[in-house]
Protein backbone atom coordinates (compact mmCIF):
# COMPACT_ATOMS: atom_id res chain seq x y z
CA MET A 1 -30.13 0.12 -17.78
CA PRO A 2 -27.74 -2.07 -15.79
CA THR A 3 -24.28 -0.79 -14.99
CA PHE A 4 -21.07 -2.73 -14.42
CA PRO A 5 -18.56 -1.99 -11.65
CA THR A 6 -15.37 -0.60 -13.11
CA GLY A 7 -13.33 0.36 -10.03
CA PRO A 8 -9.68 -0.68 -9.56
CA SER A 9 -10.57 -3.55 -7.19
CA PHE A 10 -13.07 -5.00 -9.65
CA LYS A 11 -10.61 -4.73 -12.53
CA GLY A 12 -7.93 -6.43 -10.43
CA ARG A 13 -10.23 -9.34 -9.62
CA ALA A 14 -11.36 -9.53 -13.21
CA ILE A 15 -7.78 -9.65 -14.50
CA ARG A 16 -6.90 -12.43 -12.03
CA PHE A 17 -10.01 -14.35 -13.15
CA LEU A 18 -9.07 -13.96 -16.81
CA LEU A 19 -5.49 -15.08 -16.13
CA PHE A 20 -6.80 -18.20 -14.41
CA ARG A 21 -9.24 -18.81 -17.28
CA TYR A 22 -6.64 -18.39 -20.02
CA LEU A 23 -3.79 -20.26 -18.30
CA ILE A 24 -5.45 -22.96 -16.17
CA SER A 25 -9.16 -23.57 -16.76
CA SER A 26 -8.87 -23.61 -20.54
CA PHE A 27 -6.22 -26.30 -20.29
CA LEU A 28 -8.43 -28.40 -18.03
CA ALA A 29 -11.31 -28.20 -20.49
CA LYS A 30 -11.10 -31.01 -23.08
CA ARG A 31 -12.64 -28.86 -25.79
CA SER A 32 -9.88 -26.22 -25.78
CA ARG A 33 -6.98 -28.27 -24.46
CA SER A 34 -5.09 -28.30 -27.74
CA GLN A 35 -5.19 -24.50 -27.99
CA ALA A 36 -4.18 -24.18 -24.32
CA THR A 37 -1.27 -26.53 -24.93
CA ILE A 38 0.01 -24.29 -27.71
CA GLY A 39 -0.64 -21.11 -25.77
CA VAL A 40 0.70 -22.14 -22.36
CA VAL A 41 2.59 -25.43 -22.21
CA LEU A 42 4.84 -25.00 -25.25
CA PRO A 43 6.21 -21.51 -24.42
CA MET A 44 6.49 -22.49 -20.76
CA ALA A 45 8.42 -25.63 -21.76
CA GLY A 46 10.72 -23.54 -23.96
CA VAL A 47 11.66 -21.27 -21.05
CA ALA A 48 11.95 -24.25 -18.67
CA ILE A 49 14.31 -26.13 -21.00
CA GLY A 50 16.52 -23.07 -21.39
CA VAL A 51 16.69 -22.38 -17.64
CA ALA A 52 17.29 -26.07 -16.83
CA ALA A 53 20.08 -26.29 -19.41
CA PHE A 54 21.64 -23.10 -18.08
CA THR A 55 21.52 -24.39 -14.48
CA VAL A 56 23.04 -27.77 -15.34
CA VAL A 57 25.74 -26.61 -17.76
CA LEU A 58 26.83 -23.62 -15.69
CA SER A 59 26.97 -25.69 -12.47
CA VAL A 60 29.01 -28.45 -14.10
CA MET A 61 31.33 -25.89 -15.69
CA THR A 62 31.72 -23.99 -12.40
CA GLY A 63 32.50 -27.26 -10.63
CA PHE A 64 35.01 -28.22 -13.32
CA VAL A 65 36.78 -24.83 -13.14
CA SER A 66 36.75 -24.84 -9.34
CA ASN A 67 38.13 -28.39 -9.27
CA MET A 68 40.81 -27.50 -11.81
CA LYS A 69 41.91 -24.42 -9.84
CA THR A 70 42.01 -26.48 -6.64
CA ARG A 71 44.20 -29.08 -8.32
CA LEU A 72 46.42 -26.42 -9.89
CA LEU A 73 46.94 -24.75 -6.53
CA GLY A 74 47.54 -28.15 -4.98
CA LEU A 75 50.17 -29.03 -7.58
CA GLU A 76 51.79 -25.62 -7.98
CA SER A 77 52.91 -22.94 -5.57
CA HIS A 78 51.01 -19.67 -5.36
CA ILE A 79 54.12 -17.67 -6.33
CA GLU A 80 57.57 -18.68 -7.57
CA VAL A 81 60.61 -16.45 -7.17
CA VAL A 82 62.81 -17.00 -10.24
CA LYS A 83 65.43 -15.20 -12.32
CA ARG A 84 64.11 -12.00 -13.87
CA GLU A 85 65.45 -12.87 -17.35
CA GLY A 86 63.42 -16.05 -17.40
CA PHE A 87 66.40 -18.43 -17.44
CA GLY A 88 69.17 -19.29 -15.01
CA ASN A 89 69.01 -20.28 -11.37
CA VAL A 90 68.78 -18.59 -8.00
CA THR A 91 71.80 -18.66 -5.71
CA ALA A 92 71.04 -20.85 -2.69
CA SER A 93 70.72 -18.38 0.18
CA PRO A 94 69.04 -18.83 3.59
CA GLU A 95 68.98 -15.00 3.79
CA LEU A 96 66.69 -14.90 0.74
CA LEU A 97 64.26 -17.27 2.45
CA SER A 98 64.24 -15.13 5.59
CA ALA A 99 63.69 -11.94 3.57
CA LEU A 100 60.76 -13.48 1.68
CA ARG A 101 59.10 -14.74 4.88
CA THR A 102 58.92 -11.19 6.22
CA ALA A 103 58.25 -9.42 2.89
CA SER A 104 54.46 -9.53 3.22
CA ARG A 105 51.85 -10.51 5.76
CA GLU A 106 50.14 -12.51 3.02
CA ILE A 107 53.07 -14.96 2.80
CA LEU A 108 52.56 -18.00 5.00
CA ALA A 109 55.53 -20.19 4.04
CA VAL A 110 58.52 -20.34 1.68
CA ALA A 111 60.58 -23.27 0.37
CA PRO A 112 63.29 -23.70 -2.29
CA PHE A 113 62.86 -26.13 -5.16
CA GLN A 114 64.75 -27.71 -8.04
CA LYS A 115 63.27 -28.40 -11.45
CA GLY A 116 64.54 -29.72 -14.75
CA ASP A 117 64.00 -32.07 -17.68
CA ALA A 118 65.37 -35.58 -17.86
CA ILE A 119 64.82 -39.03 -19.31
CA LEU A 120 63.44 -41.82 -17.15
CA GLN A 121 64.60 -45.33 -17.99
CA ALA A 122 63.12 -48.50 -16.52
CA ARG A 123 63.96 -51.90 -17.99
CA SER A 124 63.42 -51.47 -21.75
CA HIS A 125 61.20 -48.39 -21.42
CA ALA A 126 62.33 -44.76 -21.61
CA THR A 127 60.46 -41.45 -21.72
CA THR A 128 61.06 -37.75 -21.14
CA ILE A 129 59.96 -36.45 -17.73
CA THR A 130 59.99 -33.34 -15.56
CA ILE A 131 61.84 -33.83 -12.30
CA LEU A 132 60.93 -31.72 -9.28
CA GLY A 133 63.04 -31.48 -6.14
CA LEU A 134 61.37 -30.44 -2.88
CA ASP A 135 62.58 -29.92 0.66
CA PRO A 136 60.79 -32.67 2.67
CA VAL A 137 60.33 -30.30 5.64
CA LEU A 138 59.79 -26.84 4.13
CA GLY A 139 58.04 -28.26 1.05
CA ARG A 140 55.31 -29.75 3.24
CA GLU A 141 54.25 -26.21 4.24
CA VAL A 142 54.19 -24.86 0.68
CA SER A 143 53.39 -27.69 -1.73
CA GLY A 144 50.11 -29.55 -1.85
CA LEU A 145 51.70 -32.59 -3.50
CA GLU A 146 51.77 -34.46 -0.19
CA ARG A 147 48.06 -35.18 -0.28
CA PHE A 148 48.40 -36.81 -3.71
CA LEU A 149 50.86 -39.46 -2.48
CA THR A 150 49.07 -42.81 -2.43
CA VAL A 151 51.38 -44.91 -0.22
CA GLU A 152 52.98 -42.91 2.60
CA ARG A 153 51.05 -39.63 2.13
CA ASP A 154 54.02 -37.82 3.66
CA LEU A 155 56.85 -35.92 1.96
CA SER A 156 59.24 -37.25 4.59
CA VAL A 157 59.31 -40.43 2.50
CA LEU A 158 61.70 -38.48 0.24
CA SER A 159 64.03 -37.47 3.07
CA LYS A 160 66.19 -40.61 3.20
CA ASP A 161 67.89 -42.87 0.73
CA ALA A 162 65.92 -46.06 0.19
CA GLU A 163 66.93 -49.66 -0.36
CA SER A 164 66.09 -51.15 -3.72
CA TYR A 165 64.14 -54.38 -3.69
CA ALA A 166 66.22 -55.50 -6.63
CA ASP A 167 69.53 -54.99 -4.75
CA SER A 168 69.07 -54.84 -0.97
CA ASP A 169 72.74 -54.01 -0.34
CA ALA A 170 72.57 -50.76 -2.30
CA LYS A 171 70.78 -47.55 -1.37
CA PHE A 172 69.54 -44.96 -3.84
CA PRO A 173 67.80 -41.56 -3.67
CA PRO A 174 64.01 -41.96 -3.34
CA VAL A 175 61.51 -40.58 -5.86
CA ALA A 176 57.75 -40.57 -6.38
CA LEU A 177 56.35 -41.23 -9.87
CA GLY A 178 53.09 -40.02 -11.37
CA ARG A 179 50.43 -42.75 -11.59
CA ASP A 180 50.25 -42.81 -15.41
CA LEU A 181 54.03 -42.62 -15.69
CA ALA A 182 54.50 -45.57 -13.34
CA SER A 183 51.93 -47.57 -15.30
CA MET A 184 53.60 -46.73 -18.61
CA MET A 185 57.06 -47.66 -17.28
CA ASN A 186 55.68 -50.76 -15.51
CA ALA A 187 57.36 -49.52 -12.32
CA ASN A 188 56.12 -50.34 -8.82
CA VAL A 189 57.04 -49.13 -5.35
CA GLY A 190 60.47 -50.56 -4.51
CA ASP A 191 61.67 -50.79 -8.13
CA ARG A 192 64.89 -49.14 -9.21
CA VAL A 193 64.77 -46.81 -12.18
CA THR A 194 67.36 -44.54 -13.78
CA LEU A 195 67.34 -40.81 -14.44
CA VAL A 196 69.32 -39.87 -17.53
CA SER A 197 70.45 -36.30 -18.07
CA THR A 198 69.53 -34.58 -21.32
CA VAL A 199 72.84 -32.66 -21.22
CA PRO A 200 75.93 -34.83 -21.78
CA GLU A 201 78.91 -34.45 -19.41
CA GLU A 202 82.63 -34.95 -19.83
CA GLY A 203 83.70 -38.40 -18.66
CA PRO A 204 86.60 -40.83 -19.00
CA GLY A 205 85.39 -41.92 -22.40
CA GLY A 206 84.35 -38.43 -23.56
CA LEU A 207 80.92 -36.82 -23.55
CA ALA A 208 78.19 -39.05 -22.17
CA PRO A 209 74.79 -38.51 -20.56
CA LYS A 210 74.76 -38.64 -16.79
CA GLN A 211 72.96 -41.65 -15.32
CA PHE A 212 71.47 -41.42 -11.83
CA PRO A 213 69.82 -44.53 -10.32
CA VAL A 214 66.89 -43.91 -7.97
CA VAL A 215 64.26 -46.07 -6.26
CA VAL A 216 60.49 -45.60 -6.42
CA VAL A 217 59.04 -45.09 -2.91
CA ASP A 218 55.60 -43.64 -3.70
CA ILE A 219 53.05 -43.02 -6.46
CA LEU A 220 51.45 -39.64 -7.19
CA ASP A 221 47.78 -39.58 -8.18
CA THR A 222 46.98 -35.94 -8.91
CA GLY A 223 44.08 -36.49 -11.31
CA SER A 224 45.87 -34.31 -13.87
CA PRO A 225 47.00 -36.31 -16.94
CA THR A 226 49.76 -33.76 -17.59
CA HIS A 227 51.33 -34.27 -14.16
CA ASP A 228 50.57 -37.97 -13.71
CA ALA A 229 52.25 -38.85 -17.01
CA LYS A 230 55.37 -36.66 -16.71
CA LEU A 231 56.17 -35.77 -13.09
CA VAL A 232 58.91 -37.31 -10.95
CA VAL A 233 59.40 -35.86 -7.44
CA GLY A 234 62.52 -36.29 -5.33
CA ASN A 235 64.19 -34.52 -2.44
CA ILE A 236 65.90 -31.25 -3.23
CA GLU A 237 69.42 -32.48 -2.40
CA SER A 238 69.42 -35.54 -4.66
CA VAL A 239 67.74 -33.68 -7.52
CA GLY A 240 70.31 -30.89 -7.09
CA ARG A 241 73.13 -33.42 -7.37
CA PHE A 242 71.58 -34.90 -10.51
CA LEU A 243 71.13 -31.45 -12.11
CA ASN A 244 74.58 -30.25 -10.89
CA LEU A 245 72.93 -27.46 -8.88
CA GLU A 246 74.31 -28.09 -5.39
CA GLU A 247 74.88 -24.34 -4.81
CA GLU A 248 71.80 -23.08 -6.66
CA TRP A 249 68.03 -23.46 -6.71
CA ALA A 250 65.64 -23.35 -9.63
CA GLY A 251 63.64 -20.90 -7.49
CA VAL A 252 61.70 -20.40 -4.27
CA GLN A 253 58.05 -21.34 -3.81
CA LEU A 254 55.69 -19.17 -1.75
CA LYS A 255 52.38 -20.05 -0.12
CA LEU A 256 49.90 -17.20 0.37
CA ARG A 257 47.05 -16.65 2.76
CA GLU A 258 44.76 -15.92 -0.20
CA PRO A 259 45.85 -17.55 -3.50
CA LEU A 260 43.56 -15.32 -5.61
CA GLU A 261 45.61 -12.28 -4.54
CA ALA A 262 48.80 -13.73 -6.03
CA ASP A 263 49.01 -11.04 -8.74
CA GLU A 264 48.92 -8.16 -6.24
CA VAL A 265 51.46 -9.79 -3.90
CA ALA A 266 53.76 -10.56 -6.85
CA LYS A 267 53.75 -6.88 -7.87
CA ASP A 268 54.78 -5.84 -4.37
CA LEU A 269 57.56 -8.45 -4.28
CA ASP A 270 58.95 -7.38 -7.66
CA ALA A 271 60.05 -4.06 -6.20
CA LEU A 272 61.96 -5.88 -3.45
CA LEU A 273 63.53 -8.50 -5.74
CA ALA A 274 64.50 -6.27 -8.67
CA LYS A 275 67.90 -5.39 -7.17
CA GLN A 276 68.78 -9.08 -6.90
CA GLY A 277 67.84 -9.82 -10.51
CA LEU A 278 64.81 -11.83 -9.41
CA ARG A 279 61.07 -11.56 -9.94
CA ALA A 280 57.88 -13.04 -8.52
CA LYS A 281 55.91 -15.28 -10.87
CA PRO A 282 52.26 -15.83 -9.75
CA TRP A 283 50.43 -19.06 -10.52
CA THR A 284 48.03 -17.16 -12.79
CA GLU A 285 50.91 -16.26 -15.12
CA ALA A 286 51.94 -19.87 -15.65
CA ASN A 287 48.32 -20.84 -16.36
CA LYS A 288 47.29 -17.66 -18.16
CA THR A 289 46.30 -19.38 -21.40
CA LEU A 290 44.24 -22.02 -19.61
CA LEU A 291 42.41 -19.50 -17.41
CA ARG A 292 41.67 -17.26 -20.41
CA ALA A 293 40.32 -20.24 -22.37
CA LEU A 294 38.09 -21.28 -19.46
CA LYS A 295 36.76 -17.75 -19.09
CA LEU A 296 36.07 -17.46 -22.83
CA GLU A 297 34.35 -20.85 -22.82
CA ARG A 298 32.15 -19.79 -19.90
CA TRP A 299 31.10 -16.61 -21.69
CA GLY A 300 30.43 -18.54 -24.88
CA MET A 301 28.27 -21.13 -23.13
CA THR A 302 26.41 -18.40 -21.25
CA PHE A 303 25.62 -16.62 -24.54
CA VAL A 304 24.42 -19.83 -26.22
CA LEU A 305 22.20 -20.76 -23.27
CA TYR A 306 20.72 -17.26 -23.10
CA MET A 307 19.85 -17.62 -26.78
CA VAL A 308 17.97 -20.84 -25.93
CA ILE A 309 15.93 -18.89 -23.37
CA VAL A 310 15.35 -16.06 -25.87
CA VAL A 311 14.02 -18.57 -28.40
CA GLY A 312 11.69 -19.91 -25.73
CA CYS A 313 10.47 -16.39 -25.05
CA PHE A 314 9.83 -15.85 -28.78
CA SER A 315 7.24 -18.62 -28.56
CA ILE A 316 5.48 -16.55 -25.88
CA THR A 317 5.24 -13.67 -28.33
CA ILE A 318 3.88 -15.83 -31.14
CA THR A 319 1.29 -17.66 -29.06
CA LEU A 320 0.03 -14.49 -27.35
CA VAL A 321 -0.28 -12.63 -30.65
CA LEU A 322 -2.34 -15.53 -32.00
CA ALA A 323 -4.42 -15.42 -28.82
CA VAL A 324 -5.10 -11.69 -29.38
CA LYS A 325 -6.38 -12.41 -32.90
CA ARG A 326 -8.48 -15.34 -31.70
CA LYS A 327 -10.01 -13.45 -28.74
CA ALA A 328 -10.46 -10.07 -30.42
CA ARG A 329 -14.25 -10.03 -29.89
CA GLU A 330 -13.83 -10.99 -26.24
CA MET A 331 -11.34 -8.16 -25.74
CA ALA A 332 -13.71 -5.74 -27.49
CA ILE A 333 -16.55 -6.75 -25.15
CA LEU A 334 -14.29 -6.10 -22.15
CA ARG A 335 -13.54 -2.66 -23.55
CA ALA A 336 -17.28 -2.05 -24.03
CA VAL A 337 -18.08 -2.81 -20.36
CA GLY A 338 -15.46 -0.40 -19.00
CA PHE A 339 -11.98 -1.88 -19.35
CA GLU A 340 -9.37 0.55 -20.65
CA ARG A 341 -6.68 -0.14 -23.21
CA LYS A 342 -3.99 -0.25 -20.50
CA ASP A 343 -5.99 -2.84 -18.54
CA LEU A 344 -6.03 -5.22 -21.49
CA GLY A 345 -2.36 -4.51 -22.15
CA MET A 346 -1.57 -5.32 -18.50
CA LEU A 347 -3.53 -8.57 -18.83
CA TYR A 348 -1.24 -9.81 -21.59
CA LEU A 349 1.91 -8.56 -19.87
CA LEU A 350 0.93 -10.51 -16.76
CA GLU A 351 0.14 -13.53 -18.88
CA GLY A 352 3.66 -13.44 -20.33
CA PHE A 353 5.10 -12.95 -16.83
CA VAL A 354 3.18 -15.91 -15.41
CA ILE A 355 4.19 -18.20 -18.29
CA GLY A 356 7.82 -17.13 -17.86
CA GLY A 357 7.63 -17.53 -14.08
CA MET A 358 6.20 -21.02 -14.32
CA GLY A 359 8.89 -21.92 -16.84
CA VAL A 360 11.62 -20.60 -14.51
CA VAL A 361 10.31 -22.56 -11.51
CA ILE A 362 10.04 -25.79 -13.53
CA GLY A 363 13.43 -25.19 -15.18
CA VAL A 364 15.32 -24.55 -11.92
CA SER A 365 13.63 -27.54 -10.25
CA ALA A 366 14.46 -29.81 -13.21
CA GLY A 367 18.02 -28.48 -13.34
CA VAL A 368 18.64 -29.09 -9.64
CA GLY A 369 17.17 -32.60 -9.99
CA LEU A 370 19.44 -33.40 -12.92
CA LEU A 371 22.44 -32.07 -11.00
CA ALA A 372 21.61 -34.38 -8.09
CA ILE A 373 21.60 -37.35 -10.50
CA ILE A 374 24.88 -36.24 -12.10
CA ARG A 375 26.52 -35.67 -8.71
CA SER A 376 25.49 -39.14 -7.50
CA GLY A 377 27.58 -40.71 -10.29
CA ARG A 378 24.73 -42.83 -11.63
CA VAL A 379 25.16 -41.59 -15.21
CA ALA A 380 27.83 -43.90 -16.60
CA PHE A 381 28.63 -42.10 -19.86
CA ILE A 382 29.15 -38.77 -18.06
CA ASN A 383 31.53 -40.33 -15.53
CA ALA A 384 33.36 -42.09 -18.36
CA ALA A 385 33.95 -38.72 -20.01
CA TYR A 386 35.43 -37.50 -16.71
CA ALA A 387 38.04 -40.25 -16.38
CA GLY A 388 35.78 -42.47 -14.27
CA ARG A 389 35.39 -39.92 -11.47
CA ASN A 390 32.21 -38.28 -10.28
CA VAL A 391 31.60 -34.99 -12.05
CA PRO A 392 32.26 -32.05 -9.71
CA VAL A 393 29.15 -29.89 -9.42
CA VAL A 394 29.05 -26.42 -7.86
CA VAL A 395 25.71 -24.63 -8.09
CA ASP A 396 26.28 -20.90 -8.54
CA TRP A 397 23.03 -19.69 -7.00
CA GLU A 398 23.86 -16.08 -7.79
CA ALA A 399 24.13 -16.92 -11.49
CA VAL A 400 20.97 -19.05 -11.32
CA ALA A 401 19.08 -16.18 -9.67
CA LEU A 402 20.43 -13.78 -12.30
CA VAL A 403 19.34 -15.94 -15.23
CA SER A 404 15.96 -16.58 -13.58
CA GLY A 405 15.36 -12.85 -13.20
CA GLY A 406 16.59 -12.27 -16.73
CA SER A 407 14.18 -14.91 -18.03
CA LEU A 408 11.25 -13.18 -16.31
CA VAL A 409 12.28 -9.87 -17.85
CA LEU A 410 12.56 -11.49 -21.29
CA ALA A 411 9.10 -13.03 -20.84
CA MET A 412 7.67 -9.58 -20.07
CA VAL A 413 9.46 -8.12 -23.07
CA ALA A 414 8.11 -10.95 -25.22
CA ALA A 415 4.58 -9.98 -24.15
CA LEU A 416 4.99 -6.31 -25.19
CA TRP A 417 3.98 -6.89 -28.79
CA PRO A 418 0.80 -8.86 -27.90
CA ALA A 419 -0.03 -6.17 -25.30
CA TRP A 420 0.38 -3.49 -27.97
CA GLU A 421 -1.81 -5.46 -30.40
CA VAL A 422 -4.63 -5.87 -27.88
CA MET A 423 -4.52 -2.15 -27.05
CA LYS A 424 -5.04 -1.32 -30.76
CA ILE A 425 -8.33 -3.29 -31.05
CA ASP A 426 -11.16 -1.09 -32.32
CA VAL A 427 -14.29 -1.90 -30.33
CA VAL A 428 -16.91 -0.83 -32.88
CA GLU A 429 -15.20 -2.42 -35.87
CA THR A 430 -14.53 -5.69 -34.02
CA LEU A 431 -18.04 -6.08 -32.63
CA ALA A 432 -19.58 -5.14 -35.98
CA ASP A 433 -17.66 -7.90 -37.72
CA ARG A 434 -19.93 -10.97 -37.72
CA GLN A 435 -17.21 -13.40 -38.83
């Protein structure tokens, strides 16, 4: 009576042969291609679509958040020293600047600033704006606004009074307007505009708003609609005169070596500033709502995309269970020639792993390809949704590797039920059934 080899090496080769037969050769055969499509291509496509979607969406979102943080840190200081009560101004003091410079090794530069609300009037147009006063010398070291100037690209343009093109004999304090604000006010470089105070002052004819003529010397293009439509930047002295704050500052801006450590540095500074009635306000506090919303949105998108992958893995379970029912006699014959229950269970676990692995490889490759197309700016409707600019893309390879590994684990888990079903096949009963 002939005997069949049943050693570990034979079983390993046999399992590899069966995997190839079930996943590759059956698909190549015209007779069983439709069944192979259901059993291999569809679940693999489900995993691939989920992984590709995760790669694309997460990379675009990471790029968007990274770009937004870069712009926020370019437009705002890392820490602001302001009044502890939340209102009022800081007494102008060179000693305070010196003390802050030496307060921590993380502080690279300090600069005072002025800030307030006003009305901007140009010809027949008027709108509310936020006016920011910076020191043209110290502000260059702290503020990142300089790189958003489109004409001079240098804060020193705010250091001198400028001649108005409309009246060459008169000189007025210089200001830079946000791009959208300048477009809305129909104001160009060289035009004279007027700042109007929102707080009336006592004058010869009674209470009247203070009017302060200035000349536009540059245009700010920050890429942030909030800043481009509302921000007016001038030098700290002229803005102080307009706001009647010649002896005070709105606060002091600090630039740190590592912006992400602003919270820790602010806590250390609070102990030093408490006696002076001041406190350190990190950039994360001013943007707390935005950062929390971005974090919540990232978690929500991650959950939804994981559910897409889970649904794809469910199709692995369904197709493999159907395969167990369809190939019950074949599995029983393998048991009869020496295969154990665990060998057949391992066969289906490996089948789920291979389907999941192929889906991950295809999904990551497709995702990276789509990201290359998106990054090139050739997709018009996507660029239109991003204000005409190329979509920033940052591939988080750690997250991609994590979701790829998670997808493989889910594929193995999806194959547990089919593996359990094939291990329960009764050899005698199955072979005796002639149907």
